[in-house]
């Protein structure tokens, strides 16, 4: 995106490109659609919305999606500094990811949460009625 803003590229621009290629290889789509090519100012850059890789394939590990999303962050300062960091995190989850606490089931998958709750309540109701 820096090129579209008239800025010069850096190694982080290359990491962005590598991340886009990786994303496209895994999903067959572009993470920002064609919106990146329309970026002409910082406001448009901030409006870019990343489409999680897991939306197109649930078999993609969350840590892999996070690694790719960091590589293709619209702001260069939030990307990896070196390609080797990106490659390392593509191979295995980062320590930062491993130290994260998982959000509760209600936040991760509300449908499953309510289905499970309903099932428990249903069986509890059957048990009460059977007495």
Foldseek 3Di string as FASTA:
>chain_A
DCVLQVHDDDVLVVLLVVLQVVLCVLQVAGQQHCQVNVDHDPVSLVPGDGDFSCVRPVVDDPQLSVLSCQSNRSDSVSHDPHVVVSVVSNVDHDPVVVPDDDDDCCVVPVVVVVVVVVVVVVVVVVVVVVD
